[in-house]
Amino acid sequence: ALLLVMVAVSVAGVHPVISISTAHGLLAPMSPDPNL
């Protein structure tokens, strides 16, 4: 779901580095699998 959202906002003009940095900041407290 995160992948689809981030690609959609990339198409709208948001650079992937922005969405990835934002996702990392929000998801880091949950300690998701790093490789995933």
PDB file of all heavy atoms in Angstrom:
ATOM      1  N   ALA A   1       0.834  -1.202   0.000  1.00  0.00           N
ATOM      2  CA  ALA A   1       0.000   0.000   0.000  1.00  0.00           C
ATOM      3  C   ALA A   1       0.868   1.251   0.000  1.00  0.00           C
ATOM      4  O   ALA A   1       0.588   2.230  -0.720  1.00  0.00           O
ATOM      5  CB  ALA A   1      -0.920  -0.017   1.222  1.00  0.00           C
ATOM      6  N   LEU A   2       1.938   1.226   0.802  1.00  0.00           N
ATOM      7  CA  LEU A   2       2.865   2.351   0.838  1.00  0.00           C
ATOM      8  C   LEU A   2       3.503   2.564  -0.529  1.00  0.00           C
ATOM      9  O   LEU A   2       3.647   3.710  -0.993  1.00  0.00           O
ATOM     10  CB  LEU A   2       3.938   2.095   1.894  1.00  0.00           C
ATOM     11  CG  LEU A   2       5.036   3.159   2.038  1.00  0.00           C
ATOM     12  CD1 LEU A   2       4.439   4.482   2.507  1.00  0.00           C
ATOM     13  CD2 LEU A   2       6.118   2.678   3.000  1.00  0.00           C
ATOM     14  N   LEU A   3       3.900   1.476  -1.190  1.00  0.00           N
ATOM     15  CA  LEU A   3       4.497   1.554  -2.522  1.00  0.00           C
ATOM     16  C   LEU A   3       3.561   2.256  -3.503  1.00  0.00           C
ATOM     17  O   LEU A   3       3.978   3.172  -4.235  1.00  0.00           O
ATOM     18  CB  LEU A   3       4.828   0.142  -3.010  1.00  0.00           C
ATOM     19  CG  LEU A   3       5.218  -0.011  -4.482  1.00  0.00           C
ATOM     20  CD1 LEU A   3       6.528   0.709  -4.765  1.00  0.00           C
ATOM     21  CD2 LEU A   3       5.324  -1.492  -4.853  1.00  0.00           C
ATOM     22  N   LEU A   4       2.318   1.846  -3.526  1.00  0.00           N
ATOM     23  CA  LEU A   4       1.354   2.434  -4.463  1.00  0.00           C
ATOM     24  C   LEU A   4       1.142   3.915  -4.182  1.00  0.00           C
ATOM     25  O   LEU A   4       1.058   4.727  -5.116  1.00  0.00           O
ATOM     26  CB  LEU A   4       0.031   1.672  -4.382  1.00  0.00           C
ATOM     27  CG  LEU A   4       0.084   0.196  -4.769  1.00  0.00           C
ATOM     28  CD1 LEU A   4      -1.288  -0.451  -4.609  1.00  0.00           C
ATOM     29  CD2 LEU A   4       0.578   0.026  -6.198  1.00  0.00           C
ATOM     30  N   VAL A   5       1.069   4.271  -2.902  1.00  0.00           N
ATOM     31  CA  VAL A   5       0.882   5.681  -2.540  1.00  0.00           C
ATOM     32  C   VAL A   5       2.093   6.506  -2.965  1.00  0.00           C
ATOM     33  O   VAL A   5       1.957   7.594  -3.551  1.00  0.00           O
ATOM     34  CB  VAL A   5       0.625   5.824  -1.026  1.00  0.00           C
ATOM     35  CG1 VAL A   5       0.676   7.297  -0.619  1.00  0.00           C
ATOM     36  CG2 VAL A   5      -0.716   5.213  -0.649  1.00  0.00           C
ATOM     37  N   MET A   6       3.288   6.006  -2.687  1.00  0.00           N
ATOM     38  CA  MET A   6       4.495   6.776  -3.002  1.00  0.00           C
ATOM     39  C   MET A   6       4.694   6.923  -4.507  1.00  0.00           C
ATOM     40  O   MET A   6       5.142   7.970  -4.981  1.00  0.00           O
ATOM     41  CB  MET A   6       5.716   6.119  -2.357  1.00  0.00           C
ATOM     42  CG  MET A   6       5.738   6.225  -0.836  1.00  0.00           C
ATOM     43  SD  MET A   6       7.358   5.860  -0.081  1.00  0.00           S
ATOM     44  CE  MET A   6       7.492   4.113  -0.466  1.00  0.00           C
ATOM     45  N   VAL A   7       4.350   5.894  -5.278  1.00  0.00           N
ATOM     46  CA  VAL A   7       4.451   6.014  -6.735  1.00  0.00           C
ATOM     47  C   VAL A   7       3.427   7.019  -7.253  1.00  0.00           C
ATOM     48  O   VAL A   7       3.725   7.826  -8.151  1.00  0.00           O
ATOM     49  CB  VAL A   7       4.250   4.641  -7.410  1.00  0.00           C
ATOM     50  CG1 VAL A   7       4.155   4.793  -8.924  1.00  0.00           C
ATOM     51  CG2 VAL A   7       5.404   3.711  -7.057  1.00  0.00           C
ATOM     52  N   ALA A   8       2.226   7.006  -6.679  1.00  0.00           N
ATOM     53  CA  ALA A   8       1.186   7.951  -7.102  1.00  0.00           C
ATOM     54  C   ALA A   8       1.623   9.394  -6.862  1.00  0.00           C
ATOM     55  O   ALA A   8       1.444  10.252  -7.727  1.00  0.00           O
ATOM     56  CB  ALA A   8      -0.122   7.656  -6.359  1.00  0.00           C
ATOM     57  N   VAL A   9       2.224   9.658  -5.702  1.00  0.00           N
ATOM     58  CA  VAL A   9       2.654  11.031  -5.433  1.00  0.00           C
ATOM     59  C   VAL A   9       3.878  11.390  -6.275  1.00  0.00           C
ATOM     60  O   VAL A   9       4.097  12.565  -6.597  1.00  0.00           O
ATOM     61  CB  VAL A   9       2.941  11.258  -3.926  1.00  0.00           C
ATOM     62  CG1 VAL A   9       1.691  11.046  -3.104  1.00  0.00           C
ATOM     63  CG2 VAL A   9       4.061  10.362  -3.435  1.00  0.00           C
ATOM     64  N   SER A  10       4.673  10.380  -6.675  1.00  0.00           N
ATOM     65  CA  SER A  10       5.798  10.638  -7.573  1.00  0.00           C
ATOM     66  C   SER A  10       5.298  11.088  -8.934  1.00  0.00           C
ATOM     67  O   SER A  10       5.851  12.016  -9.543  1.00  0.00           O
ATOM     68  CB  SER A  10       6.664   9.385  -7.731  1.00  0.00           C
ATOM     69  OG  SER A  10       7.313   9.042  -6.529  1.00  0.00           O
ATOM     70  N   VAL A  11       4.248  10.436  -9.425  1.00  0.00           N
ATOM     71  CA  VAL A  11       3.652  10.823 -10.704  1.00  0.00           C
ATOM     72  C   VAL A  11       3.144  12.256 -10.634  1.00  0.00           C
ATOM     73  O   VAL A  11       3.214  13.013 -11.613  1.00  0.00           O
ATOM     74  CB  VAL A  11       2.508   9.865 -11.078  1.00  0.00           C
ATOM     75  CG1 VAL A  11       1.749  10.372 -12.298  1.00  0.00           C
ATOM     76  CG2 VAL A  11       3.064   8.470 -11.343  1.00  0.00           C
ATOM     77  N   ALA A  12       2.675  12.657  -9.463  1.00  0.00           N
ATOM     78  CA  ALA A  12       2.152  14.018  -9.283  1.00  0.00           C
ATOM     79  C   ALA A  12       3.260  15.057  -9.147  1.00  0.00           C
ATOM     80  O   ALA A  12       2.969  16.249  -9.090  1.00  0.00           O
ATOM     81  CB  ALA A  12       1.256  14.062  -8.051  1.00  0.00           C
ATOM     82  N   GLY A  13       4.518  14.618  -9.102  1.00  0.00           N
ATOM     83  CA  GLY A  13       5.611  15.572  -9.059  1.00  0.00           C
ATOM     84  C   GLY A  13       6.435  15.571  -7.801  1.00  0.00           C
ATOM     85  O   GLY A  13       7.391  16.348  -7.686  1.00  0.00           O
ATOM     86  N   VAL A  14       6.094  14.723  -6.834  1.00  0.00           N
ATOM     87  CA  VAL A  14       6.867  14.648  -5.595  1.00  0.00           C
ATOM     88  C   VAL A  14       8.025  13.678  -5.799  1.00  0.00           C
ATOM     89  O   VAL A  14       7.815  12.516  -6.135  1.00  0.00           O
ATOM     90  CB  VAL A  14       5.985  14.173  -4.422  1.00  0.00           C
ATOM     91  CG1 VAL A  14       6.813  14.058  -3.149  1.00  0.00           C
ATOM     92  CG2 VAL A  14       4.835  15.145  -4.213  1.00  0.00           C
ATOM     93  N   HIS A  15       9.244  14.157  -5.624  1.00  0.00           N
ATOM     94  CA  HIS A  15      10.412  13.305  -5.852  1.00  0.00           C
ATOM     95  C   HIS A  15      10.401  12.126  -4.878  1.00  0.00           C
ATOM     96  O   HIS A  15      10.035  12.283  -3.707  1.00  0.00           O
ATOM     97  CB  HIS A  15      11.697  14.123  -5.656  1.00  0.00           C
ATOM     98  CG  HIS A  15      12.919  13.462  -6.213  1.00  0.00           C
ATOM     99  ND1 HIS A  15      13.544  12.414  -5.590  1.00  0.00           N
ATOM    100  CD2 HIS A  15      13.625  13.694  -7.346  1.00  0.00           C
ATOM    101  CE1 HIS A  15      14.583  12.035  -6.303  1.00  0.00           C
ATOM    102  NE2 HIS A  15      14.659  12.793  -7.379  1.00  0.00           N
ATOM    103  N   PRO A  16      10.802  10.927  -5.355  1.00  0.00           N
ATOM    104  CA  PRO A  16      10.807   9.767  -4.459  1.00  0.00           C
ATOM    105  C   PRO A  16      11.584   9.977  -3.173  1.00  0.00           C
ATOM    106  O   PRO A  16      11.230   9.399  -2.135  1.00  0.00           O
ATOM    107  CB  PRO A  16      11.444   8.668  -5.323  1.00  0.00           C
ATOM    108  CG  PRO A  16      11.109   9.049  -6.725  1.00  0.00           C
ATOM    109  CD  PRO A  16      11.133  10.546  -6.746  1.00  0.00           C
ATOM    110  N   VAL A  17      12.638  10.777  -3.221  1.00  0.00           N
ATOM    111  CA  VAL A  17      13.422  10.974  -2.002  1.00  0.00           C
ATOM    112  C   VAL A  17      12.591  11.650  -0.917  1.00  0.00           C
ATOM    113  O   VAL A  17      12.792  11.413   0.280  1.00  0.00           O
ATOM    114  CB  VAL A  17      14.701  11.791  -2.302  1.00  0.00           C
ATOM    115  CG1 VAL A  17      14.383  13.245  -2.593  1.00  0.00           C
ATOM    116  CG2 VAL A  17      15.670  11.709  -1.135  1.00  0.00           C
ATOM    117  N   ILE A  18      11.615  12.461  -1.318  1.00  0.00           N
ATOM    118  CA  ILE A  18      10.756  13.135  -0.347  1.00  0.00           C
ATOM    119  C   ILE A  18       9.815  12.130   0.313  1.00  0.00           C
ATOM    120  O   ILE A  18       9.701  12.076   1.546  1.00  0.00           O
ATOM    121  CB  ILE A  18       9.941  14.260  -1.031  1.00  0.00           C
ATOM    122  CG1 ILE A  18      10.875  15.285  -1.680  1.00  0.00           C
ATOM    123  CG2 ILE A  18       9.015  14.927  -0.023  1.00  0.00           C
ATOM    124  CD1 ILE A  18      10.148  16.369  -2.452  1.00  0.00           C
ATOM    125  N   SER A  19       9.147  11.320  -0.514  1.00  0.00           N
ATOM    126  CA  SER A  19       8.201  10.352   0.055  1.00  0.00           C
ATOM    127  C   SER A  19       8.927   9.287   0.866  1.00  0.00           C
ATOM    128  O   SER A  19       8.430   8.844   1.912  1.00  0.00           O
ATOM    129  CB  SER A  19       7.377   9.704  -1.063  1.00  0.00           C
ATOM    130  OG  SER A  19       8.206   9.140  -2.054  1.00  0.00           O
ATOM    131  N   ILE A  20      10.123   8.869   0.422  1.00  0.00           N
ATOM    132  CA  ILE A  20      10.880   7.857   1.165  1.00  0.00           C
ATOM    133  C   ILE A  20      11.351   8.411   2.495  1.00  0.00           C
ATOM    134  O   ILE A  20      11.250   7.738   3.534  1.00  0.00           O
ATOM    135  CB  ILE A  20      12.067   7.356   0.321  1.00  0.00           C
ATOM    136  CG1 ILE A  20      11.562   6.559  -0.887  1.00  0.00           C
ATOM    137  CG2 ILE A  20      13.012   6.508   1.166  1.00  0.00           C
ATOM    138  CD1 ILE A  20      12.635   6.192  -1.885  1.00  0.00           C
ATOM    139  N   SER A  21      11.860   9.635   2.498  1.00  0.00           N
ATOM    140  CA  SER A  21      12.308  10.248   3.752  1.00  0.00           C
ATOM    141  C   SER A  21      11.143  10.422   4.722  1.00  0.00           C
ATOM    142  O   SER A  21      11.285  10.193   5.931  1.00  0.00           O
ATOM    143  CB  SER A  21      12.961  11.609   3.472  1.00  0.00           C
ATOM    144  OG  SER A  21      14.110  11.467   2.664  1.00  0.00           O
ATOM    145  N   THR A  22       9.994  10.812   4.188  1.00  0.00           N
ATOM    146  CA  THR A  22       8.806  10.972   5.033  1.00  0.00           C
ATOM    147  C   THR A  22       8.362   9.621   5.601  1.00  0.00           C
ATOM    148  O   THR A  22       8.050   9.504   6.798  1.00  0.00           O
ATOM    149  CB  THR A  22       7.659  11.590   4.224  1.00  0.00           C
ATOM    150  OG1 THR A  22       8.082  12.849   3.670  1.00  0.00           O
ATOM    151  CG2 THR A  22       6.440  11.816   5.099  1.00  0.00           C
ATOM    152  N   ALA A  23       8.341   8.603   4.749  1.00  0.00           N
ATOM    153  CA  ALA A  23       7.941   7.266   5.214  1.00  0.00           C
ATOM    154  C   ALA A  23       8.880   6.763   6.300  1.00  0.00           C
ATOM    155  O   ALA A  23       8.436   6.180   7.298  1.00  0.00           O
ATOM    156  CB  ALA A  23       7.916   6.297   4.034  1.00  0.00           C
ATOM    157  N   HIS A  24      10.164   6.983   6.116  1.00  0.00           N
ATOM    158  CA  HIS A  24      11.127   6.530   7.119  1.00  0.00           C
ATOM    159  C   HIS A  24      10.881   7.211   8.459  1.00  0.00           C
ATOM    160  O   HIS A  24      10.896   6.571   9.519  1.00  0.00           O
ATOM    161  CB  HIS A  24      12.542   6.819   6.635  1.00  0.00           C
ATOM    162  CG  HIS A  24      13.584   6.644   7.697  1.00  0.00           C
ATOM    163  ND1 HIS A  24      13.801   5.443   8.341  1.00  0.00           N
ATOM    164  CD2 HIS A  24      14.461   7.534   8.256  1.00  0.00           C
ATOM    165  CE1 HIS A  24      14.773   5.583   9.230  1.00  0.00           C
ATOM    166  NE2 HIS A  24      15.182   6.842   9.209  1.00  0.00           N
ATOM    167  N   GLY A  25      10.629   8.524   8.411  1.00  0.00           N
ATOM    168  CA  GLY A  25      10.389   9.249   9.651  1.00  0.00           C
ATOM    169  C   GLY A  25       9.151   8.766  10.384  1.00  0.00           C
ATOM    170  O   GLY A  25       9.124   8.733  11.624  1.00  0.00           O
ATOM    171  N   LEU A  26       8.137   8.356   9.632  1.00  0.00           N
ATOM    172  CA  LEU A  26       6.888   7.921  10.249  1.00  0.00           C
ATOM    173  C   LEU A  26       6.926   6.458  10.698  1.00  0.00           C
ATOM    174  O   LEU A  26       6.311   6.092  11.695  1.00  0.00           O
ATOM    175  CB  LEU A  26       5.730   8.113   9.261  1.00  0.00           C
ATOM    176  CG  LEU A  26       5.405   9.563   8.873  1.00  0.00           C
ATOM    177  CD1 LEU A  26       4.306   9.598   7.811  1.00  0.00           C
ATOM    178  CD2 LEU A  26       4.990  10.371  10.093  1.00  0.00           C
ATOM    179  N   LEU A  27       7.652   5.626   9.944  1.00  0.00           N
ATOM    180  CA  LEU A  27       7.632   4.190  10.219  1.00  0.00           C
ATOM    181  C   LEU A  27       8.740   3.732  11.160  1.00  0.00           C
ATOM    182  O   LEU A  27       8.654   2.642  11.723  1.00  0.00           O
ATOM    183  CB  LEU A  27       7.739   3.401   8.906  1.00  0.00           C
ATOM    184  CG  LEU A  27       6.588   3.579   7.909  1.00  0.00           C
ATOM    185  CD1 LEU A  27       6.884   2.798   6.635  1.00  0.00           C
ATOM    186  CD2 LEU A  27       5.268   3.133   8.512  1.00  0.00           C
ATOM    187  N   ALA A  28       9.774   4.531  11.323  1.00  0.00           N
ATOM    188  CA  ALA A  28      10.919   4.117  12.137  1.00  0.00           C
ATOM    189  C   ALA A  28      10.531   3.659  13.545  1.00  0.00           C
ATOM    190  O   ALA A  28      11.072   2.655  14.047  1.00  0.00           O
ATOM    191  CB  ALA A  28      11.950   5.239  12.205  1.00  0.00           C
ATOM    192  N   PRO A  29       9.595   4.350  14.245  1.00  0.00           N
ATOM    193  CA  PRO A  29       9.240   3.890  15.600  1.00  0.00           C
ATOM    194  C   PRO A  29       8.664   2.483  15.641  1.00  0.00           C
ATOM    195  O   PRO A  29       8.689   1.826  16.687  1.00  0.00           O
ATOM    196  CB  PRO A  29       8.194   4.926  16.052  1.00  0.00           C
ATOM    197  CG  PRO A  29       8.483   6.144  15.234  1.00  0.00           C
ATOM    198  CD  PRO A  29       8.923   5.621  13.904  1.00  0.00           C
ATOM    199  N   MET A  30       8.142   1.978  14.511  1.00  0.00           N
ATOM    200  CA  MET A  30       7.543   0.642  14.487  1.00  0.00           C
ATOM    201  C   MET A  30       8.555  -0.443  14.141  1.00  0.00           C
ATOM    202  O   MET A  30       8.212  -1.626  14.128  1.00  0.00           O
ATOM    203  CB  MET A  30       6.386   0.618  13.492  1.00  0.00           C
ATOM    204  CG  MET A  30       5.147   1.308  14.014  1.00  0.00           C
ATOM    205  SD  MET A  30       3.917   1.571  12.721  1.00  0.00           S
ATOM    206  CE  MET A  30       4.503   3.083  11.999  1.00  0.00           C
ATOM    207  N   SER A  31       9.780  -0.052  13.840  1.00  0.00           N
ATOM    208  CA  SER A  31      10.867  -0.997  13.544  1.00  0.00           C
ATOM    209  C   SER A  31      10.462  -2.052  12.514  1.00  0.00           C
ATOM    210  O   SER A  31      10.539  -3.259  12.776  1.00  0.00           O
ATOM    211  CB  SER A  31      11.342  -1.689  14.830  1.00  0.00           C
ATOM    212  OG  SER A  31      11.811  -0.740  15.764  1.00  0.00           O
ATOM    213  N   PRO A  32      10.032  -1.645  11.319  1.00  0.00           N
ATOM    214  CA  PRO A  32       9.683  -2.639  10.295  1.00  0.00           C
ATOM    215  C   PRO A  32      10.936  -3.365   9.814  1.00  0.00           C
ATOM    216  O   PRO A  32      12.063  -2.890  10.027  1.00  0.00           O
ATOM    217  CB  PRO A  32       9.070  -1.789   9.180  1.00  0.00           C
ATOM    218  CG  PRO A  32       9.702  -0.441   9.350  1.00  0.00           C
ATOM    219  CD  PRO A  32       9.891  -0.265  10.824  1.00  0.00           C
ATOM    220  N   ASP A  33      10.751  -4.504   9.160  1.00  0.00           N
ATOM    221  CA  ASP A  33      11.895  -5.238   8.641  1.00  0.00           C
ATOM    222  C   ASP A  33      12.671  -4.351   7.667  1.00  0.00           C
ATOM    223  O   ASP A  33      12.097  -3.856   6.682  1.00  0.00           O
ATOM    224  CB  ASP A  33      11.427  -6.501   7.921  1.00  0.00           C
ATOM    225  CG  ASP A  33      12.583  -7.310   7.367  1.00  0.00           C
ATOM    226  OD1 ASP A  33      13.217  -8.033   8.138  1.00  0.00           O
ATOM    227  OD2 ASP A  33      12.871  -7.184   6.157  1.00  0.00           O
ATOM    228  N   PRO A  34      13.960  -4.120   7.899  1.00  0.00           N
ATOM    229  CA  PRO A  34      14.710  -3.177   7.062  1.00  0.00           C
ATOM    230  C   PRO A  34      14.826  -3.611   5.611  1.00  0.00           C
ATOM    231  O   PRO A  34      14.767  -2.771   4.704  1.00  0.00           O
ATOM    232  CB  PRO A  34      16.085  -3.112   7.742  1.00  0.00           C
ATOM    233  CG  PRO A  34      16.185  -4.351   8.558  1.00  0.00           C
ATOM    234  CD  PRO A  34      14.788  -4.670   8.984  1.00  0.00           C
ATOM    235  N   ASN A  35      14.981  -4.902   5.362  1.00  0.00           N
ATOM    236  CA  ASN A  35      15.095  -5.358   3.982  1.00  0.00           C
ATOM    237  C   ASN A  35      13.778  -5.193   3.229  1.00  0.00           C
ATOM    238  O   ASN A  35      13.774  -4.813   2.048  1.00  0.00           O
ATOM    239  CB  ASN A  35      15.531  -6.827   3.945  1.00  0.00           C
ATOM    240  CG  ASN A  35      16.997  -6.999   4.303  1.00  0.00           C
ATOM    241  OD1 ASN A  35      17.857  -6.270   3.821  1.00  0.00           O
ATOM    242  ND2 ASN A  35      17.283  -7.950   5.178  1.00  0.00           N
ATOM    243  N   LEU A  36      12.662  -5.460   3.914  1.00  0.00           N
ATOM    244  CA  LEU A  36      11.359  -5.261   3.286  1.00  0.00           C
ATOM    245  C   LEU A  36      11.166  -3.801   2.904  1.00  0.00           C
ATOM    246  O   LEU A  36      10.704  -3.489   1.793  1.00  0.00           O
ATOM    247  CB  LEU A  36      10.242  -5.714   4.233  1.00  0.00           C
ATOM    248  CG  LEU A  36       8.813  -5.549   3.711  1.00  0.00           C
ATOM    249  CD1 LEU A  36       8.561  -6.499   2.541  1.00  0.00           C
ATOM    250  CD2 LEU A  36       7.793  -5.786   4.824  1.00  0.00           C
TER     251      LEU A  36
END
